[in-house]
Amino acid sequence: MRNILLILALLTGIIFAGVSLAADPAAIYKSKCALCHGAKGEGIKNMGPPHKGNKFLTEGKPEEIKKVILEGRIGKAKKYKEYPVDMPKNVMPDADAEALVKYLKTELQK
């Protein structure tokens, strides 16, 4: 039994060697953000504000942006009251949230 567990551990290590477990941030954006904020961050009327050119994203601290991504903005915490849809919480690993923040601040702004 011990040998089987050792072999499984070694195989798992070989399979994941050199492979980043963090997902592609563009794919995360597409699956988690684009529905409300637009495929290119242009925003969608009555859903979500633009991400492209958004000062909170371009000038904001990464930790604050990550917090909003993970915790959302609901009710009184909403920044953009003109959008009736709340910003939902997002469940994802920290590495994915950090990759998404970097994407929002750089690639999406191009």
PDB file of N, CA and C in Angstrom:
ATOM      1  N   MET A   1       0.825  -1.193   0.000  1.00  0.00           N
ATOM      2  CA  MET A   1       0.000   0.000   0.000  1.00  0.00           C
ATOM      3  C   MET A   1       0.870   1.259   0.000  1.00  0.00           C
ATOM      4  N   ARG A   2       1.915   1.249   0.809  1.00  0.00           N
ATOM      5  CA  ARG A   2       2.811   2.401   0.881  1.00  0.00           C
ATOM      6  C   ARG A   2       3.464   2.657  -0.470  1.00  0.00           C
ATOM      7  N   ASN A   3       3.832   1.577  -1.175  1.00  0.00           N
ATOM      8  CA  ASN A   3       4.467   1.726  -2.491  1.00  0.00           C
ATOM      9  C   ASN A   3       3.498   2.337  -3.506  1.00  0.00           C
ATOM     10  N   ILE A   4       2.247   1.951  -3.421  1.00  0.00           N
ATOM     11  CA  ILE A   4       1.255   2.505  -4.349  1.00  0.00           C
ATOM     12  C   ILE A   4       1.099   4.006  -4.124  1.00  0.00           C
ATOM     13  N   LEU A   5       1.039   4.422  -2.855  1.00  0.00           N
ATOM     14  CA  LEU A   5       0.923   5.842  -2.548  1.00  0.00           C
ATOM     15  C   LEU A   5       2.145   6.611  -3.014  1.00  0.00           C
ATOM     16  N   LEU A   6       3.317   6.029  -2.846  1.00  0.00           N
ATOM     17  CA  LEU A   6       4.553   6.663  -3.296  1.00  0.00           C
ATOM     18  C   LEU A   6       4.553   6.826  -4.818  1.00  0.00           C
ATOM     19  N   ILE A   7       4.133   5.804  -5.523  1.00  0.00           N
ATOM     20  CA  ILE A   7       4.074   5.863  -6.989  1.00  0.00           C
ATOM     21  C   ILE A   7       3.072   6.931  -7.437  1.00  0.00           C
ATOM     22  N   LEU A   8       1.896   6.993  -6.788  1.00  0.00           N
ATOM     23  CA  LEU A   8       0.904   8.007  -7.133  1.00  0.00           C
ATOM     24  C   LEU A   8       1.441   9.413  -6.888  1.00  0.00           C
ATOM     25  N   ALA A   9       2.141   9.593  -5.785  1.00  0.00           N
ATOM     26  CA  ALA A   9       2.726  10.903  -5.487  1.00  0.00           C
ATOM     27  C   ALA A   9       3.761  11.284  -6.532  1.00  0.00           C
ATOM     28  N   LEU A  10       4.599  10.346  -6.934  1.00  0.00           N
ATOM     29  CA  LEU A  10       5.613  10.618  -7.955  1.00  0.00           C
ATOM     30  C   LEU A  10       4.977  10.938  -9.303  1.00  0.00           C
ATOM     31  N   LEU A  11       3.956  10.180  -9.681  1.00  0.00           N
ATOM     32  CA  LEU A  11       3.277  10.442 -10.951  1.00  0.00           C
ATOM     33  C   LEU A  11       2.607  11.812 -10.956  1.00  0.00           C
ATOM     34  N   THR A  12       1.995  12.156  -9.851  1.00  0.00           N
ATOM     35  CA  THR A  12       1.373  13.477  -9.742  1.00  0.00           C
ATOM     36  C   THR A  12       2.419  14.575  -9.893  1.00  0.00           C
ATOM     37  N   GLY A  13       3.562  14.398  -9.261  1.00  0.00           N
ATOM     38  CA  GLY A  13       4.643  15.375  -9.379  1.00  0.00           C
ATOM     39  C   GLY A  13       5.152  15.500 -10.798  1.00  0.00           C
ATOM     40  N   ILE A  14       5.252  14.387 -11.498  1.00  0.00           N
ATOM     41  CA  ILE A  14       5.716  14.408 -12.886  1.00  0.00           C
ATOM     42  C   ILE A  14       4.692  15.099 -13.781  1.00  0.00           C
ATOM     43  N   ILE A  15       3.420  14.795 -13.576  1.00  0.00           N
ATOM     44  CA  ILE A  15       2.370  15.370 -14.403  1.00  0.00           C
ATOM     45  C   ILE A  15       2.332  16.889 -14.264  1.00  0.00           C
ATOM     46  N   PHE A  16       2.466  17.381 -13.028  1.00  0.00           N
ATOM     47  CA  PHE A  16       2.351  18.813 -12.790  1.00  0.00           C
ATOM     48  C   PHE A  16       3.684  19.555 -12.770  1.00  0.00           C
ATOM     49  N   ALA A  17       4.786  18.892 -13.030  1.00  0.00           N
ATOM     50  CA  ALA A  17       6.093  19.549 -13.021  1.00  0.00           C
ATOM     51  C   ALA A  17       6.138  20.631 -14.089  1.00  0.00           C
ATOM     52  N   GLY A  18       6.443  21.842 -13.671  1.00  0.00           N
ATOM     53  CA  GLY A  18       6.582  22.941 -14.614  1.00  0.00           C
ATOM     54  C   GLY A  18       5.281  23.497 -15.149  1.00  0.00           C
ATOM     55  N   VAL A  19       4.145  23.004 -14.673  1.00  0.00           N
ATOM     56  CA  VAL A  19       2.858  23.483 -15.150  1.00  0.00           C
ATOM     57  C   VAL A  19       2.280  24.452 -14.130  1.00  0.00           C
ATOM     58  N   SER A  20       1.975  25.641 -14.582  1.00  0.00           N
ATOM     59  CA  SER A  20       1.354  26.620 -13.693  1.00  0.00           C
ATOM     60  C   SER A  20      -0.071  26.192 -13.408  1.00  0.00           C
ATOM     61  N   LEU A  21      -0.457  26.236 -12.152  1.00  0.00           N
ATOM     62  CA  LEU A  21      -1.817  25.885 -11.791  1.00  0.00           C
ATOM     63  C   LEU A  21      -2.764  27.068 -11.963  1.00  0.00           C
ATOM     64  N   ALA A  22      -2.215  28.264 -12.112  1.00  0.00           N
ATOM     65  CA  ALA A  22      -3.053  29.447 -12.321  1.00  0.00           C
ATOM     66  C   ALA A  22      -3.596  29.421 -13.746  1.00  0.00           C
ATOM     67  N   ALA A  23      -4.878  29.677 -13.876  1.00  0.00           N
ATOM     68  CA  ALA A  23      -5.509  29.687 -15.191  1.00  0.00           C
ATOM     69  C   ALA A  23      -5.093  30.919 -15.981  1.00  0.00           C
ATOM     70  N   ASP A  24      -5.327  30.887 -17.256  1.00  0.00           N
ATOM     71  CA  ASP A  24      -5.064  32.005 -18.139  1.00  0.00           C
ATOM     72  C   ASP A  24      -5.962  33.176 -17.724  1.00  0.00           C
ATOM     73  N   PRO A  25      -5.387  34.342 -17.382  1.00  0.00           N
ATOM     74  CA  PRO A  25      -6.216  35.456 -16.898  1.00  0.00           C
ATOM     75  C   PRO A  25      -7.244  35.937 -17.930  1.00  0.00           C
ATOM     76  N   ALA A  26      -6.934  35.844 -19.221  1.00  0.00           N
ATOM     77  CA  ALA A  26      -7.913  36.235 -20.239  1.00  0.00           C
ATOM     78  C   ALA A  26      -9.115  35.288 -20.199  1.00  0.00           C
ATOM     79  N   ALA A  27      -8.853  34.010 -19.955  1.00  0.00           N
ATOM     80  CA  ALA A  27      -9.944  33.039 -19.847  1.00  0.00           C
ATOM     81  C   ALA A  27     -10.756  33.271 -18.578  1.00  0.00           C
ATOM     82  N   ILE A  28     -10.092  33.652 -17.502  1.00  0.00           N
ATOM     83  CA  ILE A  28     -10.805  33.968 -16.261  1.00  0.00           C
ATOM     84  C   ILE A  28     -11.708  35.172 -16.507  1.00  0.00           C
ATOM     85  N   TYR A  29     -11.171  36.204 -17.149  1.00  0.00           N
ATOM     86  CA  TYR A  29     -11.964  37.398 -17.450  1.00  0.00           C
ATOM     87  C   TYR A  29     -13.190  37.021 -18.277  1.00  0.00           C
ATOM     88  N   LYS A  30     -12.979  36.227 -19.296  1.00  0.00           N
ATOM     89  CA  LYS A  30     -14.073  35.834 -20.176  1.00  0.00           C
ATOM     90  C   LYS A  30     -15.159  35.089 -19.405  1.00  0.00           C
ATOM     91  N   SER A  31     -14.759  34.211 -18.493  1.00  0.00           N
ATOM     92  CA  SER A  31     -15.751  33.405 -17.778  1.00  0.00           C
ATOM     93  C   SER A  31     -16.380  34.119 -16.586  1.00  0.00           C
ATOM     94  N   LYS A  32     -15.665  35.052 -15.960  1.00  0.00           N
ATOM     95  CA  LYS A  32     -16.151  35.682 -14.735  1.00  0.00           C
ATOM     96  C   LYS A  32     -16.609  37.128 -14.902  1.00  0.00           C
ATOM     97  N   CYS A  33     -16.081  37.846 -15.877  1.00  0.00           N
ATOM     98  CA  CYS A  33     -16.291  39.296 -15.939  1.00  0.00           C
ATOM     99  C   CYS A  33     -17.004  39.787 -17.197  1.00  0.00           C
ATOM    100  N   ALA A  34     -16.730  39.146 -18.327  1.00  0.00           N
ATOM    101  CA  ALA A  34     -17.184  39.664 -19.621  1.00  0.00           C
ATOM    102  C   ALA A  34     -18.692  39.777 -19.742  1.00  0.00           C
ATOM    103  N   LEU A  35     -19.443  38.926 -19.086  1.00  0.00           N
ATOM    104  CA  LEU A  35     -20.895  38.964 -19.195  1.00  0.00           C
ATOM    105  C   LEU A  35     -21.450  40.330 -18.782  1.00  0.00           C
ATOM    106  N   CYS A  36     -20.875  40.924 -17.764  1.00  0.00           N
ATOM    107  CA  CYS A  36     -21.359  42.231 -17.279  1.00  0.00           C
ATOM    108  C   CYS A  36     -20.501  43.404 -17.734  1.00  0.00           C
ATOM    109  N   HIS A  37     -19.206  43.186 -17.916  1.00  0.00           N
ATOM    110  CA  HIS A  37     -18.288  44.285 -18.215  1.00  0.00           C
ATOM    111  C   HIS A  37     -17.830  44.321 -19.665  1.00  0.00           C
ATOM    112  N   GLY A  38     -18.312  43.396 -20.482  1.00  0.00           N
ATOM    113  CA  GLY A  38     -17.974  43.362 -21.897  1.00  0.00           C
ATOM    114  C   GLY A  38     -16.711  42.579 -22.195  1.00  0.00           C
ATOM    115  N   ALA A  39     -16.681  41.960 -23.351  1.00  0.00           N
ATOM    116  CA  ALA A  39     -15.556  41.112 -23.751  1.00  0.00           C
ATOM    117  C   ALA A  39     -14.237  41.873 -23.800  1.00  0.00           C
ATOM    118  N   LYS A  40     -14.311  43.163 -24.107  1.00  0.00           N
ATOM    119  CA  LYS A  40     -13.103  43.983 -24.199  1.00  0.00           C
ATOM    120  C   LYS A  40     -13.054  45.037 -23.105  1.00  0.00           C
ATOM    121  N   GLY A  41     -13.888  44.848 -22.069  1.00  0.00           N
ATOM    122  CA  GLY A  41     -13.897  45.783 -20.952  1.00  0.00           C
ATOM    123  C   GLY A  41     -14.638  47.067 -21.230  1.00  0.00           C
ATOM    124  N   GLU A  42     -15.481  47.067 -22.251  1.00  0.00           N
ATOM    125  CA  GLU A  42     -16.185  48.282 -22.657  1.00  0.00           C
ATOM    126  C   GLU A  42     -17.391  48.606 -21.784  1.00  0.00           C
ATOM    127  N   GLY A  43     -17.780  47.689 -20.914  1.00  0.00           N
ATOM    128  CA  GLY A  43     -18.951  47.888 -20.071  1.00  0.00           C
ATOM    129  C   GLY A  43     -20.210  47.506 -20.815  1.00  0.00           C
ATOM    130  N   ILE A  44     -21.252  47.175 -20.070  1.00  0.00           N
ATOM    131  CA  ILE A  44     -22.535  46.825 -20.667  1.00  0.00           C
ATOM    132  C   ILE A  44     -23.620  47.593 -19.922  1.00  0.00           C
ATOM    133  N   LYS A  45     -24.410  48.342 -20.673  1.00  0.00           N
ATOM    134  CA  LYS A  45     -25.468  49.180 -20.094  1.00  0.00           C
ATOM    135  C   LYS A  45     -26.354  48.347 -19.165  1.00  0.00           C
ATOM    136  N   ASN A  46     -26.623  48.892 -18.007  1.00  0.00           N
ATOM    137  CA  ASN A  46     -27.462  48.281 -16.971  1.00  0.00           C
ATOM    138  C   ASN A  46     -26.890  46.996 -16.372  1.00  0.00           C
ATOM    139  N   MET A  47     -25.670  46.652 -16.709  1.00  0.00           N
ATOM    140  CA  MET A  47     -25.040  45.445 -16.150  1.00  0.00           C
ATOM    141  C   MET A  47     -23.794  45.783 -15.337  1.00  0.00           C
ATOM    142  N   GLY A  48     -22.778  46.330 -16.009  1.00  0.00           N
ATOM    143  CA  GLY A  48     -21.531  46.630 -15.319  1.00  0.00           C
ATOM    144  C   GLY A  48     -20.763  47.740 -16.004  1.00  0.00           C
ATOM    145  N   PRO A  49     -20.035  48.546 -15.226  1.00  0.00           N
ATOM    146  CA  PRO A  49     -19.283  49.666 -15.800  1.00  0.00           C
ATOM    147  C   PRO A  49     -18.082  49.182 -16.617  1.00  0.00           C
ATOM    148  N   PRO A  50     -17.563  50.060 -17.460  1.00  0.00           N
ATOM    149  CA  PRO A  50     -16.372  49.695 -18.236  1.00  0.00           C
ATOM    150  C   PRO A  50     -15.179  49.390 -17.326  1.00  0.00           C
ATOM    151  N   HIS A  51     -14.395  48.453 -17.739  1.00  0.00           N
ATOM    152  CA  HIS A  51     -13.116  48.186 -17.080  1.00  0.00           C
ATOM    153  C   HIS A  51     -12.002  48.941 -17.789  1.00  0.00           C
ATOM    154  N   LYS A  52     -12.143  49.057 -19.099  1.00  0.00           N
ATOM    155  CA  LYS A  52     -11.126  49.757 -19.877  1.00  0.00           C
ATOM    156  C   LYS A  52     -11.195  51.242 -19.553  1.00  0.00           C
ATOM    157  N   GLY A  53     -10.077  51.800 -19.103  1.00  0.00           N
ATOM    158  CA  GLY A  53     -10.002  53.202 -18.750  1.00  0.00           C
ATOM    159  C   GLY A  53     -10.534  53.524 -17.366  1.00  0.00           C
ATOM    160  N   ASN A  54     -10.957  52.525 -16.627  1.00  0.00           N
ATOM    161  CA  ASN A  54     -11.517  52.719 -15.289  1.00  0.00           C
ATOM    162  C   ASN A  54     -10.394  53.074 -14.316  1.00  0.00           C
ATOM    163  N   LYS A  55     -10.477  54.249 -13.687  1.00  0.00           N
ATOM    164  CA  LYS A  55      -9.406  54.719 -12.795  1.00  0.00           C
ATOM    165  C   LYS A  55      -9.178  53.790 -11.612  1.00  0.00           C
ATOM    166  N   PHE A  56     -10.233  53.173 -11.114  1.00  0.00           N
ATOM    167  CA  PHE A  56     -10.062  52.233  -9.999  1.00  0.00           C
ATOM    168  C   PHE A  56      -9.115  51.106 -10.404  1.00  0.00           C
ATOM    169  N   LEU A  57      -9.211  50.680 -11.655  1.00  0.00           N
ATOM    170  CA  LEU A  57      -8.347  49.596 -12.129  1.00  0.00           C
ATOM    171  C   LEU A  57      -6.969  50.097 -12.552  1.00  0.00           C
ATOM    172  N   THR A  58      -6.936  51.223 -13.244  1.00  0.00           N
ATOM    173  CA  THR A  58      -5.648  51.695 -13.754  1.00  0.00           C
ATOM    174  C   THR A  58      -4.765  52.283 -12.662  1.00  0.00           C
ATOM    175  N   GLU A  59      -5.387  52.938 -11.670  1.00  0.00           N
ATOM    176  CA  GLU A  59      -4.610  53.605 -10.625  1.00  0.00           C
ATOM    177  C   GLU A  59      -4.746  52.963  -9.246  1.00  0.00           C
ATOM    178  N   GLY A  60      -5.695  52.046  -9.116  1.00  0.00           N
ATOM    179  CA  GLY A  60      -5.957  51.434  -7.811  1.00  0.00           C
ATOM    180  C   GLY A  60      -4.889  50.446  -7.375  1.00  0.00           C
ATOM    181  N   LYS A  61      -4.877  50.194  -6.081  1.00  0.00           N
ATOM    182  CA  LYS A  61      -3.942  49.229  -5.515  1.00  0.00           C
ATOM    183  C   LYS A  61      -4.406  47.806  -5.834  1.00  0.00           C
ATOM    184  N   PRO A  62      -3.493  46.942  -6.258  1.00  0.00           N
ATOM    185  CA  PRO A  62      -3.870  45.568  -6.592  1.00  0.00           C
ATOM    186  C   PRO A  62      -4.644  44.851  -5.479  1.00  0.00           C
ATOM    187  N   GLU A  63      -4.281  45.097  -4.222  1.00  0.00           N
ATOM    188  CA  GLU A  63      -4.962  44.421  -3.107  1.00  0.00           C
ATOM    189  C   GLU A  63      -6.433  44.831  -3.035  1.00  0.00           C
ATOM    190  N   GLU A  64      -6.717  46.106  -3.312  1.00  0.00           N
ATOM    191  CA  GLU A  64      -8.091  46.600  -3.262  1.00  0.00           C
ATOM    192  C   GLU A  64      -8.920  46.031  -4.419  1.00  0.00           C
ATOM    193  N   ILE A  65      -8.304  45.947  -5.579  1.00  0.00           N
ATOM    194  CA  ILE A  65      -8.985  45.391  -6.743  1.00  0.00           C
ATOM    195  C   ILE A  65      -9.286  43.915  -6.499  1.00  0.00           C
ATOM    196  N   LYS A  66      -8.310  43.191  -5.988  1.00  0.00           N
ATOM    197  CA  LYS A  66      -8.489  41.764  -5.679  1.00  0.00           C
ATOM    198  C   LYS A  66      -9.621  41.572  -4.675  1.00  0.00           C
ATOM    199  N   LYS A  67      -9.694  42.442  -3.680  1.00  0.00           N
ATOM    200  CA  LYS A  67     -10.744  42.350  -2.667  1.00  0.00           C
ATOM    201  C   LYS A  67     -12.124  42.486  -3.308  1.00  0.00           C
ATOM    202  N   VAL A  68     -12.275  43.437  -4.222  1.00  0.00           N
ATOM    203  CA  VAL A  68     -13.563  43.630  -4.897  1.00  0.00           C
ATOM    204  C   VAL A  68     -13.901  42.402  -5.744  1.00  0.00           C
ATOM    205  N   ILE A  69     -12.913  41.869  -6.433  1.00  0.00           N
ATOM    206  CA  ILE A  69     -13.151  40.680  -7.256  1.00  0.00           C
ATOM    207  C   ILE A  69     -13.660  39.533  -6.391  1.00  0.00           C
ATOM    208  N   LEU A  70     -12.996  39.297  -5.275  1.00  0.00           N
ATOM    209  CA  LEU A  70     -13.342  38.151  -4.433  1.00  0.00           C
ATOM    210  C   LEU A  70     -14.586  38.378  -3.574  1.00  0.00           C
ATOM    211  N   GLU A  71     -14.773  39.601  -3.071  1.00  0.00           N
ATOM    212  CA  GLU A  71     -15.881  39.866  -2.145  1.00  0.00           C
ATOM    213  C   GLU A  71     -17.095  40.506  -2.807  1.00  0.00           C
ATOM    214  N   GLY A  72     -16.922  41.082  -3.996  1.00  0.00           N
ATOM    215  CA  GLY A  72     -18.010  41.740  -4.683  1.00  0.00           C
ATOM    216  C   GLY A  72     -18.339  43.092  -4.077  1.00  0.00           C
ATOM    217  N   ARG A  73     -19.361  43.715  -4.628  1.00  0.00           N
ATOM    218  CA  ARG A  73     -19.882  44.987  -4.106  1.00  0.00           C
ATOM    219  C   ARG A  73     -21.390  44.904  -4.193  1.00  0.00           C
ATOM    220  N   ILE A  74     -22.010  44.821  -3.026  1.00  0.00           N
ATOM    221  CA  ILE A  74     -23.453  44.630  -2.965  1.00  0.00           C
ATOM    222  C   ILE A  74     -24.073  45.709  -2.094  1.00  0.00           C
ATOM    223  N   GLY A  75     -25.245  46.161  -2.494  1.00  0.00           N
ATOM    224  CA  GLY A  75     -25.989  47.136  -1.695  1.00  0.00           C
ATOM    225  C   GLY A  75     -25.245  48.441  -1.511  1.00  0.00           C
ATOM    226  N   LYS A  76     -25.061  48.834  -0.259  1.00  0.00           N
ATOM    227  CA  LYS A  76     -24.412  50.112   0.061  1.00  0.00           C
ATOM    228  C   LYS A  76     -22.939  50.147  -0.360  1.00  0.00           C
ATOM    229  N   ALA A  77     -22.332  48.998  -0.536  1.00  0.00           N
ATOM    230  CA  ALA A  77     -20.921  48.937  -0.924  1.00  0.00           C
ATOM    231  C   ALA A  77     -20.715  49.209  -2.415  1.00  0.00           C
ATOM    232  N   LYS A  78     -21.812  49.251  -3.192  1.00  0.00           N
ATOM    233  CA  LYS A  78     -21.700  49.489  -4.628  1.00  0.00           C
ATOM    234  C   LYS A  78     -21.109  50.860  -4.909  1.00  0.00           C
ATOM    235  N   LYS A  79     -20.191  50.904  -5.840  1.00  0.00           N
ATOM    236  CA  LYS A  79     -19.566  52.167  -6.236  1.00  0.00           C
ATOM    237  C   LYS A  79     -20.379  52.845  -7.338  1.00  0.00           C
ATOM    238  N   TYR A  80     -20.911  52.065  -8.241  1.00  0.00           N
ATOM    239  CA  TYR A  80     -21.663  52.596  -9.379  1.00  0.00           C
ATOM    240  C   TYR A  80     -23.142  52.295  -9.173  1.00  0.00           C
ATOM    241  N   LYS A  81     -23.828  53.192  -8.511  1.00  0.00           N
ATOM    242  CA  LYS A  81     -25.233  52.987  -8.145  1.00  0.00           C
ATOM    243  C   LYS A  81     -26.160  52.966  -9.366  1.00  0.00           C
ATOM    244  N   GLU A  82     -25.700  53.541 -10.483  1.00  0.00           N
ATOM    245  CA  GLU A  82     -26.551  53.580 -11.678  1.00  0.00           C
ATOM    246  C   GLU A  82     -26.698  52.219 -12.354  1.00  0.00           C
ATOM    247  N   TYR A  83     -25.889  51.253 -11.947  1.00  0.00           N
ATOM    248  CA  TYR A  83     -25.997  49.896 -12.480  1.00  0.00           C
ATOM    249  C   TYR A  83     -26.808  49.068 -11.496  1.00  0.00           C
ATOM    250  N   PRO A  84     -27.990  48.590 -11.905  1.00  0.00           N
ATOM    251  CA  PRO A  84     -28.854  47.877 -10.965  1.00  0.00           C
ATOM    252  C   PRO A  84     -28.315  46.513 -10.516  1.00  0.00           C
ATOM    253  N   VAL A  85     -27.422  45.934 -11.278  1.00  0.00           N
ATOM    254  CA  VAL A  85     -26.891  44.609 -10.947  1.00  0.00           C
ATOM    255  C   VAL A  85     -25.740  44.744  -9.946  1.00  0.00           C
ATOM    256  N   ASP A  86     -25.788  43.958  -8.870  1.00  0.00           N
ATOM    257  CA  ASP A  86     -24.699  43.950  -7.893  1.00  0.00           C
ATOM    258  C   ASP A  86     -23.483  43.233  -8.458  1.00  0.00           C
ATOM    259  N   MET A  87     -22.307  43.615  -7.983  1.00  0.00           N
ATOM    260  CA  MET A  87     -21.067  42.909  -8.315  1.00  0.00           C
ATOM    261  C   MET A  87     -21.011  41.690  -7.401  1.00  0.00           C
ATOM    262  N   PRO A  88     -21.117  40.480  -7.970  1.00  0.00           N
ATOM    263  CA  PRO A  88     -21.143  39.282  -7.123  1.00  0.00           C
ATOM    264  C   PRO A  88     -19.760  38.904  -6.609  1.00  0.00           C
ATOM    265  N   LYS A  89     -19.753  38.084  -5.574  1.00  0.00           N
ATOM    266  CA  LYS A  89     -18.503  37.488  -5.096  1.00  0.00           C
ATOM    267  C   LYS A  89     -18.020  36.508  -6.153  1.00  0.00           C
ATOM    268  N   ASN A  90     -16.713  36.324  -6.223  1.00  0.00           N
ATOM    269  CA  ASN A  90     -16.132  35.342  -7.135  1.00  0.00           C
ATOM    270  C   ASN A  90     -15.277  34.378  -6.335  1.00  0.00           C
ATOM    271  N   VAL A  91     -15.511  33.114  -6.542  1.00  0.00           N
ATOM    272  CA  VAL A  91     -14.722  32.087  -5.870  1.00  0.00           C
ATOM    273  C   VAL A  91     -13.644  31.632  -6.834  1.00  0.00           C
ATOM    274  N   MET A  92     -12.396  31.845  -6.430  1.00  0.00           N
ATOM    275  CA  MET A  92     -11.253  31.415  -7.241  1.00  0.00           C
ATOM    276  C   MET A  92     -10.019  31.407  -6.358  1.00  0.00           C
ATOM    277  N   PRO A  93      -9.011  30.639  -6.733  1.00  0.00           N
ATOM    278  CA  PRO A  93      -7.757  30.647  -5.970  1.00  0.00           C
ATOM    279  C   PRO A  93      -7.108  32.031  -5.996  1.00  0.00           C
ATOM    280  N   ASP A  94      -6.356  32.347  -4.956  1.00  0.00           N
ATOM    281  CA  ASP A  94      -5.658  33.638  -4.882  1.00  0.00           C
ATOM    282  C   ASP A  94      -4.787  33.883  -6.111  1.00  0.00           C
ATOM    283  N   ALA A  95      -4.115  32.842  -6.588  1.00  0.00           N
ATOM    284  CA  ALA A  95      -3.234  33.009  -7.752  1.00  0.00           C
ATOM    285  C   ALA A  95      -4.031  33.451  -8.975  1.00  0.00           C
ATOM    286  N   ASP A  96      -5.241  32.933  -9.138  1.00  0.00           N
ATOM    287  CA  ASP A  96      -6.082  33.332 -10.267  1.00  0.00           C
ATOM    288  C   ASP A  96      -6.545  34.776 -10.100  1.00  0.00           C
ATOM    289  N   ALA A  97      -6.939  35.149  -8.884  1.00  0.00           N
ATOM    290  CA  ALA A  97      -7.379  36.527  -8.625  1.00  0.00           C
ATOM    291  C   ALA A  97      -6.241  37.505  -8.883  1.00  0.00           C
ATOM    292  N   GLU A  98      -5.045  37.164  -8.456  1.00  0.00           N
ATOM    293  CA  GLU A  98      -3.883  38.027  -8.677  1.00  0.00           C
ATOM    294  C   GLU A  98      -3.549  38.139 -10.160  1.00  0.00           C
ATOM    295  N   ALA A  99      -3.658  37.032 -10.890  1.00  0.00           N
ATOM    296  CA  ALA A  99      -3.419  37.060 -12.336  1.00  0.00           C
ATOM    297  C   ALA A  99      -4.482  37.920 -13.024  1.00  0.00           C
ATOM    298  N   LEU A 100      -5.720  37.832 -12.568  1.00  0.00           N
ATOM    299  CA  LEU A 100      -6.797  38.631 -13.137  1.00  0.00           C
ATOM    300  C   LEU A 100      -6.569  40.118 -12.884  1.00  0.00           C
ATOM    301  N   VAL A 101      -6.137  40.469 -11.693  1.00  0.00           N
ATOM    302  CA  VAL A 101      -5.843  41.871 -11.380  1.00  0.00           C
ATOM    303  C   VAL A 101      -4.769  42.400 -12.326  1.00  0.00           C
ATOM    304  N   LYS A 102      -3.719  41.643 -12.501  1.00  0.00           N
ATOM    305  CA  LYS A 102      -2.640  42.072 -13.406  1.00  0.00           C
ATOM    306  C   LYS A 102      -3.179  42.256 -14.827  1.00  0.00           C
ATOM    307  N   TYR A 103      -4.015  41.340 -15.267  1.00  0.00           N
ATOM    308  CA  TYR A 103      -4.632  41.428 -16.594  1.00  0.00           C
ATOM    309  C   TYR A 103      -5.496  42.683 -16.717  1.00  0.00           C
ATOM    310  N   LEU A 104      -6.298  42.958 -15.703  1.00  0.00           N
ATOM    311  CA  LEU A 104      -7.169  44.143 -15.710  1.00  0.00           C
ATOM    312  C   LEU A 104      -6.361  45.426 -15.777  1.00  0.00           C
ATOM    313  N   LYS A 105      -5.217  45.458 -15.101  1.00  0.00           N
ATOM    314  CA  LYS A 105      -4.393  46.663 -15.046  1.00  0.00           C
ATOM    315  C   LYS A 105      -3.517  46.837 -16.287  1.00  0.00           C
ATOM    316  N   THR A 106      -3.278  45.769 -17.037  1.00  0.00           N
ATOM    317  CA  THR A 106      -2.335  45.860 -18.153  1.00  0.00           C
ATOM    318  C   THR A 106      -2.975  45.485 -19.487  1.00  0.00           C
ATOM    319  N   GLU A 107      -3.103  44.222 -19.766  1.00  0.00           N
ATOM    320  CA  GLU A 107      -3.549  43.739 -21.077  1.00  0.00           C
ATOM    321  C   GLU A 107      -4.922  44.281 -21.486  1.00  0.00           C
ATOM    322  N   LEU A 108      -5.866  44.312 -20.554  1.00  0.00           N
ATOM    323  CA  LEU A 108      -7.208  44.768 -20.889  1.00  0.00           C
ATOM    324  C   LEU A 108      -7.220  46.258 -21.217  1.00  0.00           C
ATOM    325  N   GLN A 109      -6.254  47.002 -20.708  1.00  0.00           N
ATOM    326  CA  GLN A 109      -6.213  48.456 -20.923  1.00  0.00           C
ATOM    327  C   GLN A 109      -5.648  48.836 -22.287  1.00  0.00           C
ATOM    328  N   LYS A 110      -5.093  47.883 -23.011  1.00  0.00           N
ATOM    329  CA  LYS A 110      -4.483  48.181 -24.327  1.00  0.00           C
ATOM    330  C   LYS A 110      -5.529  48.406 -25.396  1.00  0.00           C
TER     331      LYS A 110
END
